[in-house]
Amino acid sequence: NGLTGTVQVGGGGVGLDAGTFDSYPVLNTGSSYIIRYETANAITTGLEVPASRTATTVLSNNPTGTTLSGGDMIVNSIQLFQGSYDIVANSLIIKAAITRTGGNISAASGTVEMNGTANQTIPANTFLNDDLLNIIITNTAGGTTQVTLGGAVNLYGDLSFGNVNNKRFRSLGFLTLKSNATATARVADLTNGG
C-alpha cells in the first residue's frame, strides 16, 4: 500500500538504525512509526507502542478487535479496515486523516481529539454504533471549517474546543446529543480552551 517506516521485531536486543529491523526495548523509529494490527485474535496494545505514545500511522485490520491500553495515543492517521479499535477511556488524538474502508473506533467511553493542521473529515460509520463520548476540536487549519462530520455521530459527553480561536466544527445535521445512565451530552463553553 505504499507505506514506509520502521518494522519492529519483538524480543530483547539493541536497536538498529532507522529503516532496518529494530527490536524492543530500544525503538529507533526515525521519522515514521507505523503500527499494524492484523491478526485473527483479539489483542491488547503493548510493547509495540513507543513510550512517546505517538505513531505516524495505526492500521487496524483485526476482525476480532484491538484494545488500546496504557494511556492516550497520538496518531498522524488511523486506517480502519475491519474490526474495532477500542480506545476504552483513553484519548485518541488524530493529527491528520481517518481512512475507513471497514472497521471502526469504539469510543463510547473515550475521547477523540481532532488536532490537525489541515481540514479533517470524520467519515460515516467511523465509530462503533456511531457512539462517541467526547470530541475535542484543536484543529488549527485556516478557512471556514476545520472538522466536518461525514455521517451520524451520537455524542454522550462533551463537544469542546481546545486552545484555538475562531475554529468551526461542521456537523451537517449528523450530530445527535444523547444521554444514558452514565452521561449526558453537552456543548461545552465554546470560548478558547472552554
C-alpha atoms as a PDB file:
ATOM      1  CA  ASN A   1       0.000   0.000   0.000  1.00  0.00           C
ATOM      2  CA  GLY A   2       2.996   2.301  -0.393  1.00  0.00           C
ATOM      3  CA  LEU A   3       3.643   2.917   3.317  1.00  0.00           C
ATOM      4  CA  THR A   4       7.202   3.268   4.545  1.00  0.00           C
ATOM      5  CA  GLY A   5       8.626   3.226   8.034  1.00  0.00           C
ATOM      6  CA  THR A   6      10.350   1.080  10.616  1.00  0.00           C
ATOM      7  CA  VAL A   7       9.474  -2.539  11.279  1.00  0.00           C
ATOM      8  CA  GLN A   8       9.620  -3.662  14.916  1.00  0.00           C
ATOM      9  CA  VAL A   9      10.544  -7.218  15.746  1.00  0.00           C
ATOM     10  CA  GLY A  10       9.646  -8.416  19.246  1.00  0.00           C
ATOM     11  CA  GLY A  11      12.353  -9.633  21.590  1.00  0.00           C
ATOM     12  CA  GLY A  12      15.273  -8.190  23.507  1.00  0.00           C
ATOM     13  CA  GLY A  13      18.254  -6.580  21.941  1.00  0.00           C
ATOM     14  CA  VAL A  14      19.881  -3.391  20.814  1.00  0.00           C
ATOM     15  CA  GLY A  15      18.119  -1.027  18.428  1.00  0.00           C
ATOM     16  CA  LEU A  16      19.379  -0.670  14.867  1.00  0.00           C
ATOM     17  CA  ASP A  17      19.403   2.321  12.561  1.00  0.00           C
ATOM     18  CA  ALA A  18      16.054   3.626  11.362  1.00  0.00           C
ATOM     19  CA  GLY A  19      14.898   1.878   8.194  1.00  0.00           C
ATOM     20  CA  THR A  20      16.288  -1.501   9.282  1.00  0.00           C
ATOM     21  CA  PHE A  21      14.846  -4.176  11.513  1.00  0.00           C
ATOM     22  CA  ASP A  22      14.732  -2.996  15.091  1.00  0.00           C
ATOM     23  CA  SER A  23      13.883  -4.772  18.308  1.00  0.00           C
ATOM     24  CA  TYR A  24      12.277  -3.821  21.583  1.00  0.00           C
ATOM     25  CA  PRO A  25      13.093  -2.202  24.017  1.00  0.00           C
ATOM     26  CA  VAL A  26      15.188   0.295  22.024  1.00  0.00           C
ATOM     27  CA  LEU A  27      12.981   1.810  19.323  1.00  0.00           C
ATOM     28  CA  ASN A  28      14.955   3.682  16.653  1.00  0.00           C
ATOM     29  CA  THR A  29      11.996   4.736  14.571  1.00  0.00           C
ATOM     30  CA  GLY A  30      13.333   7.635  12.538  1.00  0.00           C
ATOM     31  CA  SER A  31      10.560   9.921  11.374  1.00  0.00           C
ATOM     32  CA  SER A  32       7.931   7.202  10.726  1.00  0.00           C
ATOM     33  CA  TYR A  33       6.431   4.684  13.097  1.00  0.00           C
ATOM     34  CA  ILE A  34       3.661   2.507  11.731  1.00  0.00           C
ATOM     35  CA  ILE A  35       1.715   0.076  13.896  1.00  0.00           C
ATOM     36  CA  ARG A  36      -0.281  -2.573  12.071  1.00  0.00           C
ATOM     37  CA  TYR A  37      -2.814  -4.727  13.912  1.00  0.00           C
ATOM     38  CA  GLU A  38      -3.644  -7.673  11.690  1.00  0.00           C
ATOM     39  CA  THR A  39      -4.388 -10.987  13.346  1.00  0.00           C
ATOM     40  CA  ALA A  40      -7.311 -13.365  13.858  1.00  0.00           C
ATOM     41  CA  ASN A  41      -7.197 -12.984  17.653  1.00  0.00           C
ATOM     42  CA  ALA A  42      -8.385 -10.106  19.819  1.00  0.00           C
ATOM     43  CA  ILE A  43      -5.353  -8.213  21.096  1.00  0.00           C
ATOM     44  CA  THR A  44      -4.477  -5.501  23.575  1.00  0.00           C
ATOM     45  CA  THR A  45      -1.806  -2.984  22.671  1.00  0.00           C
ATOM     46  CA  GLY A  46       1.516  -3.427  24.406  1.00  0.00           C
ATOM     47  CA  LEU A  47       5.219  -3.101  23.751  1.00  0.00           C
ATOM     48  CA  GLU A  48       4.751  -2.163  20.087  1.00  0.00           C
ATOM     49  CA  VAL A  49       3.544   1.277  21.248  1.00  0.00           C
ATOM     50  CA  PRO A  50       6.538   3.560  21.865  1.00  0.00           C
ATOM     51  CA  ALA A  51       6.933   5.356  25.191  1.00  0.00           C
ATOM     52  CA  SER A  52       6.004   8.626  23.459  1.00  0.00           C
ATOM     53  CA  ARG A  53       2.554   7.096  22.728  1.00  0.00           C
ATOM     54  CA  THR A  54       2.944   8.523  19.192  1.00  0.00           C
ATOM     55  CA  ALA A  55       2.681   6.774  15.829  1.00  0.00           C
ATOM     56  CA  THR A  56       2.709   8.029  12.263  1.00  0.00           C
ATOM     57  CA  THR A  57       0.002   5.554  11.269  1.00  0.00           C
ATOM     58  CA  VAL A  58      -2.125   2.947  13.024  1.00  0.00           C
ATOM     59  CA  LEU A  59      -3.630   0.336  10.688  1.00  0.00           C
ATOM     60  CA  SER A  60      -6.493  -1.598  12.277  1.00  0.00           C
ATOM     61  CA  ASN A  61      -7.258  -4.763  10.306  1.00  0.00           C
ATOM     62  CA  ASN A  62      -8.152  -7.175  13.090  1.00  0.00           C
ATOM     63  CA  PRO A  63     -11.634  -8.724  12.709  1.00  0.00           C
ATOM     64  CA  THR A  64     -11.788  -9.597  16.421  1.00  0.00           C
ATOM     65  CA  GLY A  65     -10.646  -6.163  17.614  1.00  0.00           C
ATOM     66  CA  THR A  66      -7.758  -4.305  19.197  1.00  0.00           C
ATOM     67  CA  THR A  67      -7.924  -2.649  22.619  1.00  0.00           C
ATOM     68  CA  LEU A  68      -5.776   0.393  23.374  1.00  0.00           C
ATOM     69  CA  SER A  69      -4.096   0.124  26.775  1.00  0.00           C
ATOM     70  CA  GLY A  70      -1.553   2.173  28.667  1.00  0.00           C
ATOM     71  CA  GLY A  71      -2.959   5.653  28.061  1.00  0.00           C
ATOM     72  CA  ASP A  72      -3.713   8.165  25.349  1.00  0.00           C
ATOM     73  CA  MET A  73      -2.416   7.685  21.801  1.00  0.00           C
ATOM     74  CA  ILE A  74      -1.345  10.314  19.269  1.00  0.00           C
ATOM     75  CA  VAL A  75      -1.525   9.316  15.606  1.00  0.00           C
ATOM     76  CA  ASN A  76      -0.970  11.174  12.392  1.00  0.00           C
ATOM     77  CA  SER A  77      -3.535   8.952  10.733  1.00  0.00           C
ATOM     78  CA  ILE A  78      -5.613   5.909  11.515  1.00  0.00           C
ATOM     79  CA  GLN A  79      -6.693   3.461   8.840  1.00  0.00           C
ATOM     80  CA  LEU A  80      -9.693   1.260   9.642  1.00  0.00           C
ATOM     81  CA  PHE A  81     -10.104  -1.921   7.610  1.00  0.00           C
ATOM     82  CA  GLN A  82     -12.037  -4.376   9.817  1.00  0.00           C
ATOM     83  CA  GLY A  83     -12.841  -4.988  13.458  1.00  0.00           C
ATOM     84  CA  SER A  84     -12.914  -2.396  16.187  1.00  0.00           C
ATOM     85  CA  TYR A  85     -10.073  -0.264  17.581  1.00  0.00           C
ATOM     86  CA  ASP A  86     -11.293   0.196  21.174  1.00  0.00           C
ATOM     87  CA  ILE A  87      -9.838   3.282  22.856  1.00  0.00           C
ATOM     88  CA  VAL A  88     -11.586   2.401  26.170  1.00  0.00           C
ATOM     89  CA  ALA A  89     -11.443   5.507  28.451  1.00  0.00           C
ATOM     90  CA  ASN A  90      -8.330   6.849  26.698  1.00  0.00           C
ATOM     91  CA  SER A  91      -7.967   9.727  24.248  1.00  0.00           C
ATOM     92  CA  LEU A  92      -7.117   9.184  20.603  1.00  0.00           C
ATOM     93  CA  ILE A  93      -5.520  12.343  19.222  1.00  0.00           C
ATOM     94  CA  ILE A  94      -5.658  12.444  15.422  1.00  0.00           C
ATOM     95  CA  LYS A  95      -3.350  14.885  13.645  1.00  0.00           C
ATOM     96  CA  ALA A  96      -4.307  14.111  10.037  1.00  0.00           C
ATOM     97  CA  ALA A  97      -6.731  11.645   8.455  1.00  0.00           C
ATOM     98  CA  ILE A  98      -9.166   8.935   9.382  1.00  0.00           C
ATOM     99  CA  THR A  99      -9.407   6.472   6.490  1.00  0.00           C
ATOM    100  CA  ARG A 100     -12.179   3.906   6.683  1.00  0.00           C
ATOM    101  CA  THR A 101     -12.943   1.006   4.348  1.00  0.00           C
ATOM    102  CA  GLY A 102     -14.421  -1.108   7.150  1.00  0.00           C
ATOM    103  CA  GLY A 103     -13.947  -1.454  10.873  1.00  0.00           C
ATOM    104  CA  ASN A 104     -14.426   1.358  13.355  1.00  0.00           C
ATOM    105  CA  ILE A 105     -13.247   3.065  16.524  1.00  0.00           C
ATOM    106  CA  SER A 106     -15.002   2.018  19.711  1.00  0.00           C
ATOM    107  CA  ALA A 107     -15.180   5.322  21.584  1.00  0.00           C
ATOM    108  CA  ALA A 108     -18.330   5.134  23.716  1.00  0.00           C
ATOM    109  CA  SER A 109     -16.126   5.593  26.811  1.00  0.00           C
ATOM    110  CA  GLY A 110     -13.289   7.584  25.253  1.00  0.00           C
ATOM    111  CA  THR A 111     -12.318  10.905  23.755  1.00  0.00           C
ATOM    112  CA  VAL A 112     -11.341  11.710  20.186  1.00  0.00           C
ATOM    113  CA  GLU A 113      -9.373  14.891  19.625  1.00  0.00           C
ATOM    114  CA  MET A 114      -9.135  16.267  16.095  1.00  0.00           C
ATOM    115  CA  ASN A 115      -5.765  18.024  16.164  1.00  0.00           C
ATOM    116  CA  GLY A 116      -4.899  18.613  12.513  1.00  0.00           C
ATOM    117  CA  THR A 117      -3.283  21.498  10.693  1.00  0.00           C
ATOM    118  CA  ALA A 118      -5.403  20.880   7.579  1.00  0.00           C
ATOM    119  CA  ASN A 119      -9.167  20.336   7.345  1.00  0.00           C
ATOM    120  CA  GLN A 120     -10.285  16.961   8.708  1.00  0.00           C
ATOM    121  CA  THR A 121     -13.355  14.833   7.976  1.00  0.00           C
ATOM    122  CA  ILE A 122     -14.721  12.112  10.216  1.00  0.00           C
ATOM    123  CA  PRO A 123     -16.105   9.533   7.738  1.00  0.00           C
ATOM    124  CA  ALA A 124     -19.511   7.884   8.127  1.00  0.00           C
ATOM    125  CA  ASN A 125     -19.535   4.816  10.404  1.00  0.00           C
ATOM    126  CA  THR A 126     -16.182   5.715  11.980  1.00  0.00           C
ATOM    127  CA  PHE A 127     -17.458   4.934  15.490  1.00  0.00           C
ATOM    128  CA  LEU A 128     -18.913   1.630  16.675  1.00  0.00           C
ATOM    129  CA  ASN A 129     -22.716   2.079  16.735  1.00  0.00           C
ATOM    130  CA  ASP A 130     -21.971   5.742  15.849  1.00  0.00           C
ATOM    131  CA  ASP A 131     -21.333   6.333  19.600  1.00  0.00           C
ATOM    132  CA  LEU A 132     -18.717   8.736  20.952  1.00  0.00           C
ATOM    133  CA  LEU A 133     -18.269  10.001  24.498  1.00  0.00           C
ATOM    134  CA  ASN A 134     -16.246  13.197  23.919  1.00  0.00           C
ATOM    135  CA  ILE A 135     -14.860  15.114  20.966  1.00  0.00           C
ATOM    136  CA  ILE A 136     -12.351  17.945  21.254  1.00  0.00           C
ATOM    137  CA  ILE A 137     -11.539  20.222  18.325  1.00  0.00           C
ATOM    138  CA  THR A 138      -7.985  21.599  18.398  1.00  0.00           C
ATOM    139  CA  ASN A 139      -7.523  21.753  14.624  1.00  0.00           C
ATOM    140  CA  THR A 140      -5.602  24.891  13.589  1.00  0.00           C
ATOM    141  CA  ALA A 141      -6.332  24.875   9.841  1.00  0.00           C
ATOM    142  CA  GLY A 142      -7.341  28.098   8.171  1.00  0.00           C
ATOM    143  CA  GLY A 143     -10.553  28.504   6.222  1.00  0.00           C
ATOM    144  CA  THR A 144     -14.159  28.306   7.288  1.00  0.00           C
ATOM    145  CA  THR A 145     -14.413  24.733   8.599  1.00  0.00           C
ATOM    146  CA  GLN A 146     -11.715  22.729  10.362  1.00  0.00           C
ATOM    147  CA  VAL A 147     -13.569  19.460  11.168  1.00  0.00           C
ATOM    148  CA  THR A 148     -16.576  18.018   9.307  1.00  0.00           C
ATOM    149  CA  LEU A 149     -18.777  15.026  10.101  1.00  0.00           C
ATOM    150  CA  GLY A 150     -19.352  12.657   7.178  1.00  0.00           C
ATOM    151  CA  GLY A 151     -22.050  10.610   8.898  1.00  0.00           C
ATOM    152  CA  ALA A 152     -24.105  10.082  12.043  1.00  0.00           C
ATOM    153  CA  VAL A 153     -22.472  10.504  15.463  1.00  0.00           C
ATOM    154  CA  ASN A 154     -24.257  10.020  18.790  1.00  0.00           C
ATOM    155  CA  LEU A 155     -22.441  12.147  21.366  1.00  0.00           C
ATOM    156  CA  TYR A 156     -22.871  11.211  25.038  1.00  0.00           C
ATOM    157  CA  GLY A 157     -20.326  13.581  26.610  1.00  0.00           C
ATOM    158  CA  ASP A 158     -18.719  16.877  25.623  1.00  0.00           C
ATOM    159  CA  LEU A 159     -18.241  18.686  22.357  1.00  0.00           C
ATOM    160  CA  SER A 160     -15.497  21.187  23.143  1.00  0.00           C
ATOM    161  CA  PHE A 161     -12.749  23.269  21.590  1.00  0.00           C
ATOM    162  CA  GLY A 162      -9.188  23.330  22.895  1.00  0.00           C
ATOM    163  CA  ASN A 163      -6.830  26.278  22.866  1.00  0.00           C
ATOM    164  CA  VAL A 164      -7.875  27.520  19.393  1.00  0.00           C
ATOM    165  CA  ASN A 165      -9.663  30.657  18.223  1.00  0.00           C
ATOM    166  CA  ASN A 166     -12.297  31.119  15.513  1.00  0.00           C
ATOM    167  CA  LYS A 167     -12.488  27.435  14.551  1.00  0.00           C
ATOM    168  CA  ARG A 168     -15.532  25.537  13.307  1.00  0.00           C
ATOM    169  CA  PHE A 169     -16.962  22.063  13.662  1.00  0.00           C
ATOM    170  CA  ARG A 170     -19.397  21.307  10.859  1.00  0.00           C
ATOM    171  CA  SER A 171     -21.920  18.634  11.826  1.00  0.00           C
ATOM    172  CA  LEU A 172     -24.043  18.804   8.636  1.00  0.00           C
ATOM    173  CA  GLY A 173     -27.007  17.640  10.744  1.00  0.00           C
ATOM    174  CA  PHE A 174     -25.273  14.342  11.615  1.00  0.00           C
ATOM    175  CA  LEU A 175     -24.607  15.086  15.313  1.00  0.00           C
ATOM    176  CA  THR A 176     -27.125  13.882  17.902  1.00  0.00           C
ATOM    177  CA  LEU A 177     -26.672  14.837  21.559  1.00  0.00           C
ATOM    178  CA  LYS A 178     -27.779  11.920  23.729  1.00  0.00           C
ATOM    179  CA  SER A 179     -27.856  10.771  27.325  1.00  0.00           C
ATOM    180  CA  ASN A 180     -27.777   7.429  29.064  1.00  0.00           C
ATOM    181  CA  ALA A 181     -27.464   6.225  32.664  1.00  0.00           C
ATOM    182  CA  THR A 182     -23.871   7.480  32.990  1.00  0.00           C
ATOM    183  CA  ALA A 183     -23.559  10.528  30.720  1.00  0.00           C
ATOM    184  CA  THR A 184     -25.431  13.448  29.195  1.00  0.00           C
ATOM    185  CA  ALA A 185     -24.159  15.197  26.095  1.00  0.00           C
ATOM    186  CA  ARG A 186     -23.458  18.897  26.174  1.00  0.00           C
ATOM    187  CA  VAL A 187     -21.819  21.576  24.118  1.00  0.00           C
ATOM    188  CA  ALA A 188     -19.075  22.891  26.391  1.00  0.00           C
ATOM    189  CA  ASP A 189     -18.103  26.532  26.747  1.00  0.00           C
ATOM    190  CA  LEU A 190     -17.027  27.409  23.216  1.00  0.00           C
ATOM    191  CA  THR A 191     -14.533  30.076  24.187  1.00  0.00           C
ATOM    192  CA  ASN A 192     -10.828  29.421  23.753  1.00  0.00           C
ATOM    193  CA  GLY A 193      -9.981  26.365  25.878  1.00  0.00           C
ATOM    194  CA  GLY A 194     -13.504  26.271  27.371  1.00  0.00           C
END
